[in-house]
């Protein structure tokens, strides 16, 4: 499994755990809002992702770039970018 697939798989695991849904309900393109995640849930998701990957995500819900965490694909891409900068 490539790092990209591994990161995406881990992101899906964290998202499904935070959304309290079965992993099968979360695909790479599942919109987080479709999982019923509200703003506090998103903050908790960010914390869980930061802990899982030992990174710091710069996230502001009022920022137009918040779309970078719209779904597991975009989250994984953002995390990989941080890992590459690392």
PDB file of N, CA and C in Angstrom:
ATOM      1  N   UNK A   1       0.854  -1.179   0.000  1.00  0.00           N
ATOM      2  CA  UNK A   1       0.000   0.000   0.000  1.00  0.00           C
ATOM      3  C   UNK A   1       0.897   1.240   0.000  1.00  0.00           C
ATOM      4  N   UNK A   2       0.654   2.157  -0.915  1.00  0.00           N
ATOM      5  CA  UNK A   2       1.465   3.364  -0.974  1.00  0.00           C
ATOM      6  C   UNK A   2       1.135   4.271   0.196  1.00  0.00           C
ATOM      7  N   UNK A   3       2.017   5.223   0.430  1.00  0.00           N
ATOM      8  CA  UNK A   3       1.765   6.157   1.534  1.00  0.00           C
ATOM      9  C   UNK A   3       0.440   6.873   1.316  1.00  0.00           C
ATOM     10  N   UNK A   4       0.152   7.243   0.074  1.00  0.00           N
ATOM     11  CA  UNK A   4      -1.082   7.952  -0.239  1.00  0.00           C
ATOM     12  C   UNK A   4      -2.310   7.130   0.159  1.00  0.00           C
ATOM     13  N   UNK A   5      -2.316   5.850  -0.207  1.00  0.00           N
ATOM     14  CA  UNK A   5      -3.446   4.986   0.151  1.00  0.00           C
ATOM     15  C   UNK A   5      -3.503   4.756   1.656  1.00  0.00           C
ATOM     16  N   UNK A   6      -2.353   4.662   2.284  1.00  0.00           N
ATOM     17  CA  UNK A   6      -2.297   4.454   3.719  1.00  0.00           C
ATOM     18  C   UNK A   6      -2.846   5.675   4.463  1.00  0.00           C
ATOM     19  N   UNK A   7      -2.438   6.869   4.033  1.00  0.00           N
ATOM     20  CA  UNK A   7      -2.933   8.094   4.661  1.00  0.00           C
ATOM     21  C   UNK A   7      -4.441   8.195   4.467  1.00  0.00           C
ATOM     22  N   UNK A   8      -4.914   7.947   3.264  1.00  0.00           N
ATOM     23  CA  UNK A   8      -6.348   8.020   2.990  1.00  0.00           C
ATOM     24  C   UNK A   8      -7.113   7.005   3.838  1.00  0.00           C
ATOM     25  N   UNK A   9      -6.604   5.801   3.942  1.00  0.00           N
ATOM     26  CA  UNK A   9      -7.251   4.776   4.744  1.00  0.00           C
ATOM     27  C   UNK A   9      -7.324   5.198   6.215  1.00  0.00           C
ATOM     28  N   UNK A  10      -6.232   5.753   6.730  1.00  0.00           N
ATOM     29  CA  UNK A  10      -6.215   6.222   8.110  1.00  0.00           C
ATOM     30  C   UNK A  10      -7.185   7.381   8.315  1.00  0.00           C
ATOM     31  N   UNK A  11      -7.255   8.284   7.330  1.00  0.00           N
ATOM     32  CA  UNK A  11      -8.189   9.411   7.421  1.00  0.00           C
ATOM     33  C   UNK A  11      -9.628   8.889   7.471  1.00  0.00           C
ATOM     34  N   UNK A  12      -9.945   7.929   6.622  1.00  0.00           N
ATOM     35  CA  UNK A  12     -11.294   7.353   6.612  1.00  0.00           C
ATOM     36  C   UNK A  12     -11.597   6.708   7.966  1.00  0.00           C
ATOM     37  N   UNK A  13     -10.627   6.027   8.542  1.00  0.00           N
ATOM     38  CA  UNK A  13     -10.810   5.434   9.876  1.00  0.00           C
ATOM     39  C   UNK A  13     -11.150   6.499  10.910  1.00  0.00           C
ATOM     40  N   UNK A  14     -10.396   7.587  10.913  1.00  0.00           N
ATOM     41  CA  UNK A  14     -10.609   8.653  11.890  1.00  0.00           C
ATOM     42  C   UNK A  14     -11.960   9.329  11.659  1.00  0.00           C
ATOM     43  N   UNK A  15     -12.282   9.600  10.401  1.00  0.00           N
ATOM     44  CA  UNK A  15     -13.560  10.241  10.082  1.00  0.00           C
ATOM     45  C   UNK A  15     -14.724   9.369  10.532  1.00  0.00           C
ATOM     46  N   UNK A  16     -14.666   8.081  10.214  1.00  0.00           N
ATOM     47  CA  UNK A  16     -15.774   7.200  10.596  1.00  0.00           C
ATOM     48  C   UNK A  16     -15.898   7.111  12.114  1.00  0.00           C
ATOM     49  N   UNK A  17     -14.766   7.091  12.807  1.00  0.00           N
ATOM     50  CA  UNK A  17     -14.786   7.044  14.268  1.00  0.00           C
ATOM     51  C   UNK A  17     -15.394   8.323  14.842  1.00  0.00           C
ATOM     52  N   UNK A  18     -14.961   9.462  14.347  1.00  0.00           N
ATOM     53  CA  UNK A  18     -15.462  10.739  14.858  1.00  0.00           C
ATOM     54  C   UNK A  18     -16.933  10.949  14.508  1.00  0.00           C
ATOM     55  N   UNK A  19     -17.346  10.463  13.341  1.00  0.00           N
ATOM     56  CA  UNK A  19     -18.745  10.619  12.922  1.00  0.00           C
ATOM     57  C   UNK A  19     -19.640   9.545  13.534  1.00  0.00           C
ATOM     58  N   UNK A  20     -19.002   8.564  14.168  1.00  0.00           N
ATOM     59  CA  UNK A  20     -19.728   7.449  14.786  1.00  0.00           C
ATOM     60  C   UNK A  20     -20.604   6.722  13.765  1.00  0.00           C
ATOM     61  N   UNK A  21     -19.974   6.433  12.618  1.00  0.00           N
ATOM     62  CA  UNK A  21     -20.633   5.663  11.563  1.00  0.00           C
ATOM     63  C   UNK A  21     -19.733   4.499  11.182  1.00  0.00           C
ATOM     64  N   UNK A  22     -20.325   3.505  10.538  1.00  0.00           N
ATOM     65  CA  UNK A  22     -19.538   2.378  10.049  1.00  0.00           C
ATOM     66  C   UNK A  22     -18.549   2.874   8.997  1.00  0.00           C
ATOM     67  N   UNK A  23     -17.368   2.277   8.991  1.00  0.00           N
ATOM     68  CA  UNK A  23     -16.335   2.678   8.032  1.00  0.00           C
ATOM     69  C   UNK A  23     -16.846   2.579   6.600  1.00  0.00           C
ATOM     70  N   UNK A  24     -17.678   1.592   6.317  1.00  0.00           N
ATOM     71  CA  UNK A  24     -18.202   1.389   4.963  1.00  0.00           C
ATOM     72  C   UNK A  24     -19.048   2.566   4.481  1.00  0.00           C
ATOM     73  N   UNK A  25     -19.528   3.392   5.405  1.00  0.00           N
ATOM     74  CA  UNK A  25     -20.336   4.551   5.035  1.00  0.00           C
ATOM     75  C   UNK A  25     -19.483   5.738   4.593  1.00  0.00           C
ATOM     76  N   UNK A  26     -18.174   5.627   4.751  1.00  0.00           N
ATOM     77  CA  UNK A  26     -17.274   6.736   4.428  1.00  0.00           C
ATOM     78  C   UNK A  26     -16.406   6.353   3.231  1.00  0.00           C
ATOM     79  N   UNK A  27     -16.597   7.044   2.127  1.00  0.00           N
ATOM     80  CA  UNK A  27     -15.762   6.832   0.941  1.00  0.00           C
ATOM     81  C   UNK A  27     -14.794   8.008   0.834  1.00  0.00           C
ATOM     82  N   UNK A  28     -13.823   7.929  -0.059  1.00  0.00           N
ATOM     83  CA  UNK A  28     -12.888   9.048  -0.213  1.00  0.00           C
ATOM     84  C   UNK A  28     -13.572  10.369  -0.573  1.00  0.00           C
ATOM     85  N   UNK A  29     -14.736  10.302  -1.193  1.00  0.00           N
ATOM     86  CA  UNK A  29     -15.411  11.526  -1.626  1.00  0.00           C
ATOM     87  C   UNK A  29     -16.641  11.886  -0.785  1.00  0.00           C
ATOM     88  N   UNK A  30     -16.861  11.169   0.317  1.00  0.00           N
ATOM     89  CA  UNK A  30     -17.996  11.481   1.191  1.00  0.00           C
ATOM     90  C   UNK A  30     -17.818  12.868   1.791  1.00  0.00           C
ATOM     91  N   UNK A  31     -18.810  13.715   1.597  1.00  0.00           N
ATOM     92  CA  UNK A  31     -18.772  15.052   2.164  1.00  0.00           C
ATOM     93  C   UNK A  31     -19.005  14.949   3.675  1.00  0.00           C
ATOM     94  N   UNK A  32     -18.162  15.613   4.449  1.00  0.00           N
ATOM     95  CA  UNK A  32     -18.282  15.526   5.909  1.00  0.00           C
ATOM     96  C   UNK A  32     -19.656  15.977   6.395  1.00  0.00           C
ATOM     97  N   UNK A  33     -20.238  16.943   5.721  1.00  0.00           N
ATOM     98  CA  UNK A  33     -21.559  17.414   6.139  1.00  0.00           C
ATOM     99  C   UNK A  33     -22.620  16.339   5.942  1.00  0.00           C
ATOM    100  N   UNK A  34     -22.400  15.422   5.001  1.00  0.00           N
ATOM    101  CA  UNK A  34     -23.341  14.322   4.788  1.00  0.00           C
ATOM    102  C   UNK A  34     -23.318  13.312   5.933  1.00  0.00           C
ATOM    103  N   UNK A  35     -22.276  13.374   6.760  1.00  0.00           N
ATOM    104  CA  UNK A  35     -22.149  12.465   7.901  1.00  0.00           C
ATOM    105  C   UNK A  35     -22.737  13.068   9.166  1.00  0.00           C
ATOM    106  N   UNK A  36     -23.304  14.258   9.042  1.00  0.00           N
ATOM    107  CA  UNK A  36     -23.918  14.907  10.191  1.00  0.00           C
ATOM    108  C   UNK A  36     -22.925  15.587  11.120  1.00  0.00           C
ATOM    109  N   UNK A  37     -21.700  15.800  10.641  1.00  0.00           N
ATOM    110  CA  UNK A  37     -20.696  16.459  11.479  1.00  0.00           C
ATOM    111  C   UNK A  37     -20.974  17.956  11.539  1.00  0.00           C
ATOM    112  N   UNK A  38     -21.045  18.473  12.746  1.00  0.00           N
ATOM    113  CA  UNK A  38     -21.259  19.898  12.948  1.00  0.00           C
ATOM    114  C   UNK A  38     -19.934  20.546  13.321  1.00  0.00           C
ATOM    115  N   UNK A  39     -19.935  21.838  13.555  1.00  0.00           N
ATOM    116  CA  UNK A  39     -18.684  22.567  13.758  1.00  0.00           C
ATOM    117  C   UNK A  39     -17.842  22.010  14.905  1.00  0.00           C
ATOM    118  N   UNK A  40     -18.451  21.686  16.032  1.00  0.00           N
ATOM    119  CA  UNK A  40     -17.687  21.118  17.141  1.00  0.00           C
ATOM    120  C   UNK A  40     -17.125  19.747  16.766  1.00  0.00           C
ATOM    121  N   UNK A  41     -17.900  18.971  16.015  1.00  0.00           N
ATOM    122  CA  UNK A  41     -17.422  17.668  15.544  1.00  0.00           C
ATOM    123  C   UNK A  41     -16.205  17.834  14.639  1.00  0.00           C
ATOM    124  N   UNK A  42     -16.222  18.871  13.799  1.00  0.00           N
ATOM    125  CA  UNK A  42     -15.100  19.127  12.891  1.00  0.00           C
ATOM    126  C   UNK A  42     -13.852  19.476  13.697  1.00  0.00           C
ATOM    127  N   UNK A  43     -14.019  20.270  14.738  1.00  0.00           N
ATOM    128  CA  UNK A  43     -12.882  20.622  15.600  1.00  0.00           C
ATOM    129  C   UNK A  43     -12.310  19.357  16.241  1.00  0.00           C
ATOM    130  N   UNK A  44     -13.167  18.490  16.742  1.00  0.00           N
ATOM    131  CA  UNK A  44     -12.707  17.237  17.335  1.00  0.00           C
ATOM    132  C   UNK A  44     -12.033  16.350  16.291  1.00  0.00           C
ATOM    133  N   UNK A  45     -12.560  16.370  15.074  1.00  0.00           N
ATOM    134  CA  UNK A  45     -11.948  15.614  13.979  1.00  0.00           C
ATOM    135  C   UNK A  45     -10.543  16.134  13.699  1.00  0.00           C
ATOM    136  N   UNK A  46     -10.394  17.444  13.655  1.00  0.00           N
ATOM    137  CA  UNK A  46      -9.081  18.050  13.411  1.00  0.00           C
ATOM    138  C   UNK A  46      -8.096  17.610  14.498  1.00  0.00           C
ATOM    139  N   UNK A  47      -8.523  17.666  15.764  1.00  0.00           N
ATOM    140  CA  UNK A  47      -7.650  17.238  16.863  1.00  0.00           C
ATOM    141  C   UNK A  47      -7.252  15.769  16.714  1.00  0.00           C
ATOM    142  N   UNK A  48      -8.214  14.931  16.349  1.00  0.00           N
ATOM    143  CA  UNK A  48      -7.932  13.500  16.191  1.00  0.00           C
ATOM    144  C   UNK A  48      -6.945  13.259  15.049  1.00  0.00           C
ATOM    145  N   UNK A  49      -7.097  13.992  13.965  1.00  0.00           N
ATOM    146  CA  UNK A  49      -6.184  13.853  12.823  1.00  0.00           C
ATOM    147  C   UNK A  49      -4.783  14.344  13.191  1.00  0.00           C
ATOM    148  N   UNK A  50      -4.722  15.460  13.910  1.00  0.00           N
ATOM    149  CA  UNK A  50      -3.413  15.979  14.337  1.00  0.00           C
ATOM    150  C   UNK A  50      -2.691  14.967  15.217  1.00  0.00           C
ATOM    151  N   UNK A  51      -3.437  14.349  16.107  1.00  0.00           N
ATOM    152  CA  UNK A  51      -2.835  13.346  16.997  1.00  0.00           C
ATOM    153  C   UNK A  51      -2.398  12.115  16.209  1.00  0.00           C
ATOM    154  N   UNK A  52      -3.244  11.639  15.323  1.00  0.00           N
ATOM    155  CA  UNK A  52      -2.957  10.431  14.544  1.00  0.00           C
ATOM    156  C   UNK A  52      -1.703  10.598  13.693  1.00  0.00           C
ATOM    157  N   UNK A  53      -1.566  11.756  13.052  1.00  0.00           N
ATOM    158  CA  UNK A  53      -0.466  11.958  12.105  1.00  0.00           C
ATOM    159  C   UNK A  53       0.683  12.799  12.665  1.00  0.00           C
ATOM    160  N   UNK A  54       0.560  13.235  13.930  1.00  0.00           N
ATOM    161  CA  UNK A  54       1.579  14.060  14.565  1.00  0.00           C
ATOM    162  C   UNK A  54       1.904  15.279  13.700  1.00  0.00           C
ATOM    163  N   UNK A  55       0.841  15.996  13.343  1.00  0.00           N
ATOM    164  CA  UNK A  55       0.957  17.195  12.525  1.00  0.00           C
ATOM    165  C   UNK A  55       0.125  18.293  13.170  1.00  0.00           C
ATOM    166  N   UNK A  56       0.211  19.488  12.603  1.00  0.00           N
ATOM    167  CA  UNK A  56      -0.629  20.588  13.050  1.00  0.00           C
ATOM    168  C   UNK A  56      -1.366  21.136  11.834  1.00  0.00           C
ATOM    169  N   UNK A  57      -2.677  20.976  11.838  1.00  0.00           N
ATOM    170  CA  UNK A  57      -3.505  21.471  10.748  1.00  0.00           C
ATOM    171  C   UNK A  57      -3.930  22.895  11.051  1.00  0.00           C
ATOM    172  N   UNK A  58      -3.707  23.783  10.101  1.00  0.00           N
ATOM    173  CA  UNK A  58      -4.124  25.170  10.247  1.00  0.00           C
ATOM    174  C   UNK A  58      -5.535  25.267   9.695  1.00  0.00           C
ATOM    175  N   UNK A  59      -6.525  25.261  10.584  1.00  0.00           N
ATOM    176  CA  UNK A  59      -7.907  25.243  10.140  1.00  0.00           C
ATOM    177  C   UNK A  59      -8.712  26.342  10.796  1.00  0.00           C
ATOM    178  N   UNK A  60      -9.402  27.105   9.962  1.00  0.00           N
ATOM    179  CA  UNK A  60     -10.319  28.136  10.428  1.00  0.00           C
ATOM    180  C   UNK A  60     -11.605  27.943   9.648  1.00  0.00           C
ATOM    181  N   UNK A  61     -12.671  27.612  10.311  1.00  0.00           N
ATOM    182  CA  UNK A  61     -13.937  27.314   9.642  1.00  0.00           C
ATOM    183  C   UNK A  61     -14.462  28.490   8.833  1.00  0.00           C
ATOM    184  N   UNK A  62     -14.038  29.698   9.170  1.00  0.00           N
ATOM    185  CA  UNK A  62     -14.486  30.882   8.433  1.00  0.00           C
ATOM    186  C   UNK A  62     -13.627  31.173   7.219  1.00  0.00           C
ATOM    187  N   UNK A  63     -12.572  30.419   7.036  1.00  0.00           N
ATOM    188  CA  UNK A  63     -11.654  30.601   5.918  1.00  0.00           C
ATOM    189  C   UNK A  63     -12.204  29.927   4.665  1.00  0.00           C
ATOM    190  N   UNK A  64     -12.166  30.621   3.532  1.00  0.00           N
ATOM    191  CA  UNK A  64     -12.651  29.995   2.291  1.00  0.00           C
ATOM    192  C   UNK A  64     -11.895  28.715   1.935  1.00  0.00           C
ATOM    193  N   UNK A  65     -10.672  28.571   2.436  1.00  0.00           N
ATOM    194  CA  UNK A  65      -9.887  27.358   2.175  1.00  0.00           C
ATOM    195  C   UNK A  65     -10.335  26.191   3.035  1.00  0.00           C
ATOM    196  N   UNK A  66     -11.375  26.376   3.837  1.00  0.00           N
ATOM    197  CA  UNK A  66     -11.880  25.294   4.677  1.00  0.00           C
ATOM    198  C   UNK A  66     -12.342  24.121   3.818  1.00  0.00           C
ATOM    199  N   UNK A  67     -12.514  24.362   2.530  1.00  0.00           N
ATOM    200  CA  UNK A  67     -12.883  23.286   1.613  1.00  0.00           C
ATOM    201  C   UNK A  67     -11.815  22.201   1.586  1.00  0.00           C
ATOM    202  N   UNK A  68     -10.609  22.510   2.087  1.00  0.00           N
ATOM    203  CA  UNK A  68      -9.538  21.513   2.098  1.00  0.00           C
ATOM    204  C   UNK A  68      -9.848  20.358   3.037  1.00  0.00           C
ATOM    205  N   UNK A  69     -10.883  20.499   3.851  1.00  0.00           N
ATOM    206  CA  UNK A  69     -11.286  19.367   4.683  1.00  0.00           C
ATOM    207  C   UNK A  69     -12.731  18.977   4.392  1.00  0.00           C
ATOM    208  N   UNK A  70     -13.114  19.083   3.152  1.00  0.00           N
ATOM    209  CA  UNK A  70     -14.490  18.784   2.754  1.00  0.00           C
ATOM    210  C   UNK A  70     -14.794  17.296   2.754  1.00  0.00           C
ATOM    211  N   UNK A  71     -13.779  16.474   2.448  1.00  0.00           N
ATOM    212  CA  UNK A  71     -13.970  15.025   2.354  1.00  0.00           C
ATOM    213  C   UNK A  71     -12.640  14.331   2.646  1.00  0.00           C
ATOM    214  N   UNK A  72     -12.651  13.015   2.839  1.00  0.00           N
ATOM    215  CA  UNK A  72     -11.398  12.310   3.152  1.00  0.00           C
ATOM    216  C   UNK A  72     -10.291  12.497   2.108  1.00  0.00           C
ATOM    217  N   UNK A  73     -10.642  12.587   0.829  1.00  0.00           N
ATOM    218  CA  UNK A  73      -9.614  12.814  -0.205  1.00  0.00           C
ATOM    219  C   UNK A  73      -8.880  14.128   0.034  1.00  0.00           C
ATOM    220  N   UNK A  74      -9.641  15.195   0.255  1.00  0.00           N
ATOM    221  CA  UNK A  74      -9.003  16.501   0.438  1.00  0.00           C
ATOM    222  C   UNK A  74      -8.229  16.565   1.756  1.00  0.00           C
ATOM    223  N   UNK A  75      -8.741  15.899   2.777  1.00  0.00           N
ATOM    224  CA  UNK A  75      -8.031  15.852   4.058  1.00  0.00           C
ATOM    225  C   UNK A  75      -6.700  15.116   3.892  1.00  0.00           C
ATOM    226  N   UNK A  76      -6.736  13.969   3.217  1.00  0.00           N
ATOM    227  CA  UNK A  76      -5.510  13.187   3.002  1.00  0.00           C
ATOM    228  C   UNK A  76      -4.490  13.988   2.204  1.00  0.00           C
ATOM    229  N   UNK A  77      -4.952  14.726   1.189  1.00  0.00           N
ATOM    230  CA  UNK A  77      -4.034  15.549   0.386  1.00  0.00           C
ATOM    231  C   UNK A  77      -3.388  16.623   1.247  1.00  0.00           C
ATOM    232  N   UNK A  78      -4.173  17.263   2.114  1.00  0.00           N
ATOM    233  CA  UNK A  78      -3.635  18.297   2.991  1.00  0.00           C
ATOM    234  C   UNK A  78      -2.609  17.710   3.961  1.00  0.00           C
ATOM    235  N   UNK A  79      -2.918  16.532   4.503  1.00  0.00           N
ATOM    236  CA  UNK A  79      -2.003  15.874   5.441  1.00  0.00           C
ATOM    237  C   UNK A  79      -0.714  15.476   4.727  1.00  0.00           C
ATOM    238  N   UNK A  80      -0.836  14.922   3.527  1.00  0.00           N
ATOM    239  CA  UNK A  80       0.370  14.542   2.789  1.00  0.00           C
ATOM    240  C   UNK A  80       1.233  15.757   2.482  1.00  0.00           C
ATOM    241  N   UNK A  81       0.590  16.886   2.177  1.00  0.00           N
ATOM    242  CA  UNK A  81       1.354  18.110   1.939  1.00  0.00           C
ATOM    243  C   UNK A  81       2.146  18.510   3.180  1.00  0.00           C
ATOM    244  N   UNK A  82       1.537  18.386   4.338  1.00  0.00           N
ATOM    245  CA  UNK A  82       2.229  18.716   5.594  1.00  0.00           C
ATOM    246  C   UNK A  82       3.351  17.725   5.886  1.00  0.00           C
ATOM    247  N   UNK A  83       3.099  16.452   5.600  1.00  0.00           N
ATOM    248  CA  UNK A  83       4.126  15.437   5.819  1.00  0.00           C
ATOM    249  C   UNK A  83       5.318  15.703   4.904  1.00  0.00           C
ATOM    250  N   UNK A  84       5.044  16.065   3.637  1.00  0.00           N
ATOM    251  CA  UNK A  84       6.119  16.348   2.688  1.00  0.00           C
ATOM    252  C   UNK A  84       6.939  17.573   3.088  1.00  0.00           C
ATOM    253  N   UNK A  85       6.253  18.568   3.689  1.00  0.00           N
ATOM    254  CA  UNK A  85       6.965  19.769   4.163  1.00  0.00           C
ATOM    255  C   UNK A  85       7.840  19.438   5.351  1.00  0.00           C
ATOM    256  N   UNK A  86       7.357  18.456   6.152  1.00  0.00           N
ATOM    257  CA  UNK A  86       7.891  18.036   7.404  1.00  0.00           C
ATOM    258  C   UNK A  86       9.298  18.090   7.655  1.00  0.00           C
TER     259      UNK A  86
END
